[in-house]
Amino acid sequence: DNIPFFMPNTYSITVPENMAVGDSVFSLTATDMDVGPNADLTYSVQAGQDSEYFYMDSMLESGAGVLKIQKVIDYDTMLSHTLTVTVRVEDPLGTSGGHNDEATVTMTITDVNDNPPVISPAVFTANYSEDMAVGTIIMDFSAEDDDTGEHANFEFYIDYENTDPNKVFGVNRETGEVRLRNNLDYETQSMHTVHLLAIDRGEEPQTGTATLQIYVEDIN
């Protein structure tokens, strides 16, 4: 004959965007002074604001309810980064069809560095004479990153170790401008396939890649 109740009935938590469907977000426990089957509590998410993202799992042994992910949250496409749900607890065996109480859970969604920079153009191909002057601009690359804050900041690099060991080309780390750094020589290397990298500054950096393909023309 006792009504279950939440204490407190409002909660504020932080949730990273990269949680998978079925992951546990938060645990709530209502108080019911009854014992035995009369104290078995059922938790649910009420239809309404942001309810599509979550569901409740009722843990009969502990009496707790666990808020879980029902739909993947994507920080980068959300209009608002605060989600709010209403959680209901019911005592199905209570008088007059059961007793219930509600609590509000407000979640602040945090960005995770889950997008690599995308370099444009992805592939650049050109023919250049081997007598082209050192310092000549080859191409201005650009990049975009769908993350936010520091996760969206990046620098350009050339993969010298794997694709340009002689450092024939150079890149401005901030602008993506690629220039000829050392002389081209048809007899030494008639084609260069160089990987340009854009690496962001997240705690776990993401890398975007573009390809620079240069054919060297022989000069007699």
C-alpha atoms as a PDB file:
ATOM      1  CA  ASP A   1       0.000   0.000   0.000  1.00  0.00           C
ATOM      2  CA  ASN A   2       3.067   2.286  -0.137  1.00  0.00           C
ATOM      3  CA  ILE A   3       3.821   4.474  -3.131  1.00  0.00           C
ATOM      4  CA  PRO A   4       7.339   4.199  -4.628  1.00  0.00           C
ATOM      5  CA  PHE A   5       9.192   7.496  -4.854  1.00  0.00           C
ATOM      6  CA  PHE A   6      12.400   8.951  -6.216  1.00  0.00           C
ATOM      7  CA  MET A   7      14.675  10.905  -3.919  1.00  0.00           C
ATOM      8  CA  PRO A   8      15.879  13.125  -5.506  1.00  0.00           C
ATOM      9  CA  ASN A   9      13.568  13.357  -8.492  1.00  0.00           C
ATOM     10  CA  THR A  10      15.903  15.326 -10.775  1.00  0.00           C
ATOM     11  CA  TYR A  11      19.300  14.202 -12.065  1.00  0.00           C
ATOM     12  CA  SER A  12      21.943  15.851 -14.246  1.00  0.00           C
ATOM     13  CA  ILE A  13      24.607  13.734 -15.911  1.00  0.00           C
ATOM     14  CA  THR A  14      27.181  13.909 -18.722  1.00  0.00           C
ATOM     15  CA  VAL A  15      27.065  11.377 -21.550  1.00  0.00           C
ATOM     16  CA  PRO A  16      29.662  10.924 -24.333  1.00  0.00           C
ATOM     17  CA  GLU A  17      28.219  10.648 -27.839  1.00  0.00           C
ATOM     18  CA  ASN A  18      30.017   7.378 -28.680  1.00  0.00           C
ATOM     19  CA  MET A  19      27.905   5.075 -26.513  1.00  0.00           C
ATOM     20  CA  ALA A  20      26.557   2.035 -28.361  1.00  0.00           C
ATOM     21  CA  VAL A  21      22.969   0.783 -28.455  1.00  0.00           C
ATOM     22  CA  GLY A  22      22.386  -1.212 -25.269  1.00  0.00           C
ATOM     23  CA  ASP A  23      25.069   0.579 -23.237  1.00  0.00           C
ATOM     24  CA  SER A  24      24.141   1.608 -19.704  1.00  0.00           C
ATOM     25  CA  VAL A  25      23.940   5.365 -19.139  1.00  0.00           C
ATOM     26  CA  PHE A  26      22.655   5.821 -15.601  1.00  0.00           C
ATOM     27  CA  SER A  27      21.117   3.867 -12.740  1.00  0.00           C
ATOM     28  CA  LEU A  28      18.189   5.098 -10.643  1.00  0.00           C
ATOM     29  CA  THR A  29      16.655   3.486  -7.596  1.00  0.00           C
ATOM     30  CA  ALA A  30      13.260   4.369  -6.219  1.00  0.00           C
ATOM     31  CA  THR A  31      12.252   3.691  -2.637  1.00  0.00           C
ATOM     32  CA  ASP A  32       9.259   1.473  -1.825  1.00  0.00           C
ATOM     33  CA  MET A  33       8.446   0.686   1.817  1.00  0.00           C
ATOM     34  CA  ASP A  34       6.569  -2.467   0.854  1.00  0.00           C
ATOM     35  CA  VAL A  35       8.174  -5.931   0.917  1.00  0.00           C
ATOM     36  CA  GLY A  36       8.025  -9.029  -1.260  1.00  0.00           C
ATOM     37  CA  PRO A  37       6.181  -8.890  -4.594  1.00  0.00           C
ATOM     38  CA  ASN A  38       4.577  -5.615  -3.547  1.00  0.00           C
ATOM     39  CA  ALA A  39       8.036  -4.016  -3.737  1.00  0.00           C
ATOM     40  CA  ASP A  40       8.805  -5.221  -7.294  1.00  0.00           C
ATOM     41  CA  LEU A  41       9.298  -2.037  -9.300  1.00  0.00           C
ATOM     42  CA  THR A  42       9.014  -1.493 -13.036  1.00  0.00           C
ATOM     43  CA  TYR A  43      10.850   1.403 -14.676  1.00  0.00           C
ATOM     44  CA  SER A  44      10.067   2.970 -18.044  1.00  0.00           C
ATOM     45  CA  VAL A  45      10.908   6.021 -20.143  1.00  0.00           C
ATOM     46  CA  GLN A  46       7.859   8.159 -20.772  1.00  0.00           C
ATOM     47  CA  ALA A  47       7.047   9.217 -24.314  1.00  0.00           C
ATOM     48  CA  GLY A  48       8.042  12.779 -25.000  1.00  0.00           C
ATOM     49  CA  GLN A  49      11.116  14.951 -25.326  1.00  0.00           C
ATOM     50  CA  ASP A  50      14.194  12.935 -26.407  1.00  0.00           C
ATOM     51  CA  SER A  51      12.638   9.624 -25.317  1.00  0.00           C
ATOM     52  CA  GLU A  52      13.553   8.001 -28.665  1.00  0.00           C
ATOM     53  CA  TYR A  53      17.194   7.703 -27.565  1.00  0.00           C
ATOM     54  CA  PHE A  54      16.663   5.678 -24.368  1.00  0.00           C
ATOM     55  CA  TYR A  55      14.881   2.806 -22.685  1.00  0.00           C
ATOM     56  CA  MET A  56      14.778   1.486 -19.115  1.00  0.00           C
ATOM     57  CA  ASP A  57      15.851  -1.941 -17.927  1.00  0.00           C
ATOM     58  CA  SER A  58      14.218  -2.956 -14.631  1.00  0.00           C
ATOM     59  CA  MET A  59      16.497  -4.941 -12.297  1.00  0.00           C
ATOM     60  CA  LEU A  60      14.122  -6.840 -10.036  1.00  0.00           C
ATOM     61  CA  GLU A  61      16.798  -8.252  -7.727  1.00  0.00           C
ATOM     62  CA  SER A  62      18.332  -4.879  -6.864  1.00  0.00           C
ATOM     63  CA  GLY A  63      15.197  -2.791  -7.330  1.00  0.00           C
ATOM     64  CA  ALA A  64      17.063  -0.399  -9.613  1.00  0.00           C
ATOM     65  CA  GLY A  65      16.266   0.855 -13.082  1.00  0.00           C
ATOM     66  CA  VAL A  66      19.047   1.290 -15.648  1.00  0.00           C
ATOM     67  CA  LEU A  67      18.746   3.900 -18.373  1.00  0.00           C
ATOM     68  CA  LYS A  68      20.185   2.482 -21.618  1.00  0.00           C
ATOM     69  CA  ILE A  69      20.881   3.653 -25.159  1.00  0.00           C
ATOM     70  CA  GLN A  70      18.154   2.820 -27.680  1.00  0.00           C
ATOM     71  CA  LYS A  71      19.345   5.048 -30.551  1.00  0.00           C
ATOM     72  CA  VAL A  72      22.892   6.175 -31.287  1.00  0.00           C
ATOM     73  CA  ILE A  73      23.557   9.785 -30.284  1.00  0.00           C
ATOM     74  CA  ASP A  74      25.522  11.902 -32.775  1.00  0.00           C
ATOM     75  CA  TYR A  75      26.800  15.122 -31.235  1.00  0.00           C
ATOM     76  CA  ASP A  76      27.771  16.581 -34.609  1.00  0.00           C
ATOM     77  CA  THR A  77      24.234  16.454 -36.056  1.00  0.00           C
ATOM     78  CA  MET A  78      22.264  17.468 -32.945  1.00  0.00           C
ATOM     79  CA  LEU A  79      20.508  20.822 -32.774  1.00  0.00           C
ATOM     80  CA  SER A  80      20.777  20.758 -28.988  1.00  0.00           C
ATOM     81  CA  HIS A  81      23.420  18.998 -26.910  1.00  0.00           C
ATOM     82  CA  THR A  82      21.128  18.576 -23.901  1.00  0.00           C
ATOM     83  CA  LEU A  83      18.700  15.644 -23.752  1.00  0.00           C
ATOM     84  CA  THR A  84      15.932  15.261 -21.180  1.00  0.00           C
ATOM     85  CA  VAL A  85      13.843  12.191 -20.364  1.00  0.00           C
ATOM     86  CA  THR A  86      11.180  11.412 -17.791  1.00  0.00           C
ATOM     87  CA  VAL A  87      11.576   8.081 -15.999  1.00  0.00           C
ATOM     88  CA  ARG A  88       8.553   6.452 -14.366  1.00  0.00           C
ATOM     89  CA  VAL A  89       8.629   3.843 -11.649  1.00  0.00           C
ATOM     90  CA  GLU A  90       5.531   1.731 -10.988  1.00  0.00           C
ATOM     91  CA  ASP A  91       4.454  -0.698  -8.321  1.00  0.00           C
ATOM     92  CA  PRO A  92       2.116  -2.896 -10.407  1.00  0.00           C
ATOM     93  CA  LEU A  93       0.562  -4.561  -7.390  1.00  0.00           C
ATOM     94  CA  GLY A  94      -0.416  -1.350  -5.693  1.00  0.00           C
ATOM     95  CA  THR A  95      -4.053  -0.485  -5.096  1.00  0.00           C
ATOM     96  CA  SER A  96      -6.127   1.124  -7.852  1.00  0.00           C
ATOM     97  CA  GLY A  97      -3.961  -0.215 -10.651  1.00  0.00           C
ATOM     98  CA  GLY A  98      -0.570   0.525  -9.162  1.00  0.00           C
ATOM     99  CA  HIS A  99       1.409   3.339  -7.661  1.00  0.00           C
ATOM    100  CA  ASN A 100       3.967   5.400  -9.532  1.00  0.00           C
ATOM    101  CA  ASP A 101       6.375   8.314  -9.385  1.00  0.00           C
ATOM    102  CA  GLU A 102       8.468  10.154 -11.956  1.00  0.00           C
ATOM    103  CA  ALA A 103      11.976  11.595 -12.155  1.00  0.00           C
ATOM    104  CA  THR A 104      13.641  13.814 -14.720  1.00  0.00           C
ATOM    105  CA  VAL A 105      17.084  13.017 -16.107  1.00  0.00           C
ATOM    106  CA  THR A 106      18.889  15.779 -17.991  1.00  0.00           C
ATOM    107  CA  MET A 107      21.946  14.738 -19.994  1.00  0.00           C
ATOM    108  CA  THR A 108      24.661  16.947 -21.430  1.00  0.00           C
ATOM    109  CA  ILE A 109      26.106  15.220 -24.497  1.00  0.00           C
ATOM    110  CA  THR A 110      29.850  15.607 -25.023  1.00  0.00           C
ATOM    111  CA  ASP A 111      31.694  15.481 -28.335  1.00  0.00           C
ATOM    112  CA  VAL A 112      34.001  12.564 -29.094  1.00  0.00           C
ATOM    113  CA  ASN A 113      36.728  12.791 -31.709  1.00  0.00           C
ATOM    114  CA  ASP A 114      35.099  10.342 -34.118  1.00  0.00           C
ATOM    115  CA  ASN A 115      35.521  12.096 -37.481  1.00  0.00           C
ATOM    116  CA  PRO A 116      38.770  12.282 -39.463  1.00  0.00           C
ATOM    117  CA  PRO A 117      39.522  15.430 -41.466  1.00  0.00           C
ATOM    118  CA  VAL A 118      38.436  15.109 -45.093  1.00  0.00           C
ATOM    119  CA  ILE A 119      40.992  16.534 -47.533  1.00  0.00           C
ATOM    120  CA  SER A 120      40.008  18.123 -50.835  1.00  0.00           C
ATOM    121  CA  PRO A 121      40.887  17.195 -53.472  1.00  0.00           C
ATOM    122  CA  ALA A 122      41.290  13.559 -52.446  1.00  0.00           C
ATOM    123  CA  VAL A 123      43.557  12.944 -55.442  1.00  0.00           C
ATOM    124  CA  PHE A 124      45.619  15.456 -57.405  1.00  0.00           C
ATOM    125  CA  THR A 125      47.481  14.374 -60.557  1.00  0.00           C
ATOM    126  CA  ALA A 126      49.712  16.562 -62.702  1.00  0.00           C
ATOM    127  CA  ASN A 127      52.693  16.525 -65.098  1.00  0.00           C
ATOM    128  CA  TYR A 128      55.667  18.767 -64.364  1.00  0.00           C
ATOM    129  CA  SER A 129      58.935  19.351 -66.146  1.00  0.00           C
ATOM    130  CA  GLU A 130      62.020  18.221 -64.265  1.00  0.00           C
ATOM    131  CA  ASP A 131      63.421  21.754 -64.510  1.00  0.00           C
ATOM    132  CA  MET A 132      60.548  23.234 -62.480  1.00  0.00           C
ATOM    133  CA  ALA A 133      61.897  25.713 -59.944  1.00  0.00           C
ATOM    134  CA  VAL A 134      62.172  24.760 -56.291  1.00  0.00           C
ATOM    135  CA  GLY A 135      59.485  26.639 -54.349  1.00  0.00           C
ATOM    136  CA  THR A 136      56.847  26.352 -57.071  1.00  0.00           C
ATOM    137  CA  ILE A 137      53.332  25.806 -55.697  1.00  0.00           C
ATOM    138  CA  ILE A 138      52.006  22.368 -56.657  1.00  0.00           C
ATOM    139  CA  MET A 139      48.529  22.497 -55.108  1.00  0.00           C
ATOM    140  CA  ASP A 140      46.507  24.184 -52.369  1.00  0.00           C
ATOM    141  CA  PHE A 141      44.743  21.466 -50.405  1.00  0.00           C
ATOM    142  CA  SER A 142      41.972  22.130 -47.897  1.00  0.00           C
ATOM    143  CA  ALA A 143      40.242  19.964 -45.300  1.00  0.00           C
ATOM    144  CA  GLU A 144      37.118  19.892 -43.147  1.00  0.00           C
ATOM    145  CA  ASP A 145      36.422  18.078 -39.891  1.00  0.00           C
ATOM    146  CA  ASP A 146      32.849  17.483 -38.667  1.00  0.00           C
ATOM    147  CA  ASP A 147      33.897  17.405 -35.017  1.00  0.00           C
ATOM    148  CA  THR A 148      33.905  20.498 -32.804  1.00  0.00           C
ATOM    149  CA  GLY A 149      36.384  22.426 -30.704  1.00  0.00           C
ATOM    150  CA  GLU A 150      39.932  21.109 -30.536  1.00  0.00           C
ATOM    151  CA  HIS A 151      38.784  17.913 -32.251  1.00  0.00           C
ATOM    152  CA  ALA A 152      38.129  19.960 -35.397  1.00  0.00           C
ATOM    153  CA  ASN A 153      41.581  21.553 -35.485  1.00  0.00           C
ATOM    154  CA  PHE A 154      44.190  19.829 -37.623  1.00  0.00           C
ATOM    155  CA  GLU A 155      47.561  20.200 -39.312  1.00  0.00           C
ATOM    156  CA  PHE A 156      48.839  18.980 -42.665  1.00  0.00           C
ATOM    157  CA  TYR A 157      51.799  16.648 -43.034  1.00  0.00           C
ATOM    158  CA  ILE A 158      53.484  14.679 -45.798  1.00  0.00           C
ATOM    159  CA  ASP A 159      54.060  10.989 -45.156  1.00  0.00           C
ATOM    160  CA  TYR A 160      57.767  11.272 -45.851  1.00  0.00           C
ATOM    161  CA  GLU A 161      58.736   7.902 -44.416  1.00  0.00           C
ATOM    162  CA  ASN A 162      56.469   5.864 -46.667  1.00  0.00           C
ATOM    163  CA  THR A 163      55.870   8.024 -49.742  1.00  0.00           C
ATOM    164  CA  ASP A 164      58.501  10.786 -50.058  1.00  0.00           C
ATOM    165  CA  PRO A 165      61.735   9.709 -48.334  1.00  0.00           C
ATOM    166  CA  ASN A 166      63.813  12.215 -50.357  1.00  0.00           C
ATOM    167  CA  LYS A 167      61.558  15.074 -49.226  1.00  0.00           C
ATOM    168  CA  VAL A 168      60.940  16.346 -52.742  1.00  0.00           C
ATOM    169  CA  PHE A 169      57.748  18.079 -51.625  1.00  0.00           C
ATOM    170  CA  GLY A 170      56.846  20.245 -48.663  1.00  0.00           C
ATOM    171  CA  VAL A 171      53.530  21.340 -47.133  1.00  0.00           C
ATOM    172  CA  ASN A 172      52.465  24.317 -45.068  1.00  0.00           C
ATOM    173  CA  ARG A 173      51.040  22.692 -41.939  1.00  0.00           C
ATOM    174  CA  GLU A 174      48.409  25.370 -41.429  1.00  0.00           C
ATOM    175  CA  THR A 175      47.212  26.071 -44.993  1.00  0.00           C
ATOM    176  CA  GLY A 176      47.748  22.795 -46.888  1.00  0.00           C
ATOM    177  CA  GLU A 177      49.786  24.510 -49.609  1.00  0.00           C
ATOM    178  CA  VAL A 178      52.165  22.002 -51.225  1.00  0.00           C
ATOM    179  CA  ARG A 179      55.352  23.261 -52.876  1.00  0.00           C
ATOM    180  CA  LEU A 180      58.332  21.714 -54.594  1.00  0.00           C
ATOM    181  CA  ARG A 181      60.983  21.414 -51.905  1.00  0.00           C
ATOM    182  CA  ASN A 182      63.825  19.786 -53.860  1.00  0.00           C
ATOM    183  CA  ASN A 183      64.593  19.387 -57.552  1.00  0.00           C
ATOM    184  CA  LEU A 184      62.735  16.888 -59.711  1.00  0.00           C
ATOM    185  CA  ASP A 185      64.922  14.447 -61.658  1.00  0.00           C
ATOM    186  CA  TYR A 186      63.352  12.300 -64.354  1.00  0.00           C
ATOM    187  CA  GLU A 187      66.301   9.870 -64.419  1.00  0.00           C
ATOM    188  CA  THR A 188      66.144   9.299 -60.665  1.00  0.00           C
ATOM    189  CA  GLN A 189      62.354   9.109 -60.289  1.00  0.00           C
ATOM    190  CA  SER A 190      59.882   9.703 -63.092  1.00  0.00           C
ATOM    191  CA  MET A 191      56.730   9.431 -60.958  1.00  0.00           C
ATOM    192  CA  HIS A 192      55.981  10.484 -57.386  1.00  0.00           C
ATOM    193  CA  THR A 193      52.990   9.173 -55.431  1.00  0.00           C
ATOM    194  CA  VAL A 194      52.878  11.125 -52.187  1.00  0.00           C
ATOM    195  CA  HIS A 195      50.384  10.889 -49.332  1.00  0.00           C
ATOM    196  CA  LEU A 196      49.246  14.129 -47.734  1.00  0.00           C
ATOM    197  CA  LEU A 197      47.907  13.768 -44.194  1.00  0.00           C
ATOM    198  CA  ALA A 198      45.585  15.970 -42.141  1.00  0.00           C
ATOM    199  CA  ILE A 199      45.854  14.977 -38.468  1.00  0.00           C
ATOM    200  CA  ASP A 200      43.518  16.498 -35.913  1.00  0.00           C
ATOM    201  CA  ARG A 201      44.411  17.444 -32.349  1.00  0.00           C
ATOM    202  CA  GLY A 202      42.041  15.169 -30.463  1.00  0.00           C
ATOM    203  CA  GLU A 203      43.234  13.013 -27.564  1.00  0.00           C
ATOM    204  CA  GLU A 204      43.042  10.073 -29.964  1.00  0.00           C
ATOM    205  CA  PRO A 205      43.945  11.825 -33.252  1.00  0.00           C
ATOM    206  CA  GLN A 206      42.068  11.035 -36.448  1.00  0.00           C
ATOM    207  CA  THR A 207      43.852  11.207 -39.803  1.00  0.00           C
ATOM    208  CA  GLY A 208      42.593  12.099 -43.266  1.00  0.00           C
ATOM    209  CA  THR A 209      44.611  11.205 -46.371  1.00  0.00           C
ATOM    210  CA  ALA A 210      44.920  12.587 -49.898  1.00  0.00           C
ATOM    211  CA  THR A 211      47.165  11.484 -52.756  1.00  0.00           C
ATOM    212  CA  LEU A 212      49.476  13.695 -54.781  1.00  0.00           C
ATOM    213  CA  GLN A 213      50.605  12.004 -58.019  1.00  0.00           C
ATOM    214  CA  ILE A 214      53.264  13.816 -60.046  1.00  0.00           C
ATOM    215  CA  TYR A 215      54.623  12.661 -63.406  1.00  0.00           C
ATOM    216  CA  VAL A 216      58.032  14.101 -64.208  1.00  0.00           C
ATOM    217  CA  GLU A 217      58.745  15.124 -67.816  1.00  0.00           C
ATOM    218  CA  ASP A 218      62.241  14.604 -69.142  1.00  0.00           C
ATOM    219  CA  ILE A 219      64.245  17.574 -70.397  1.00  0.00           C
ATOM    220  CA  ASN A 220      67.059  16.845 -72.828  1.00  0.00           C
END
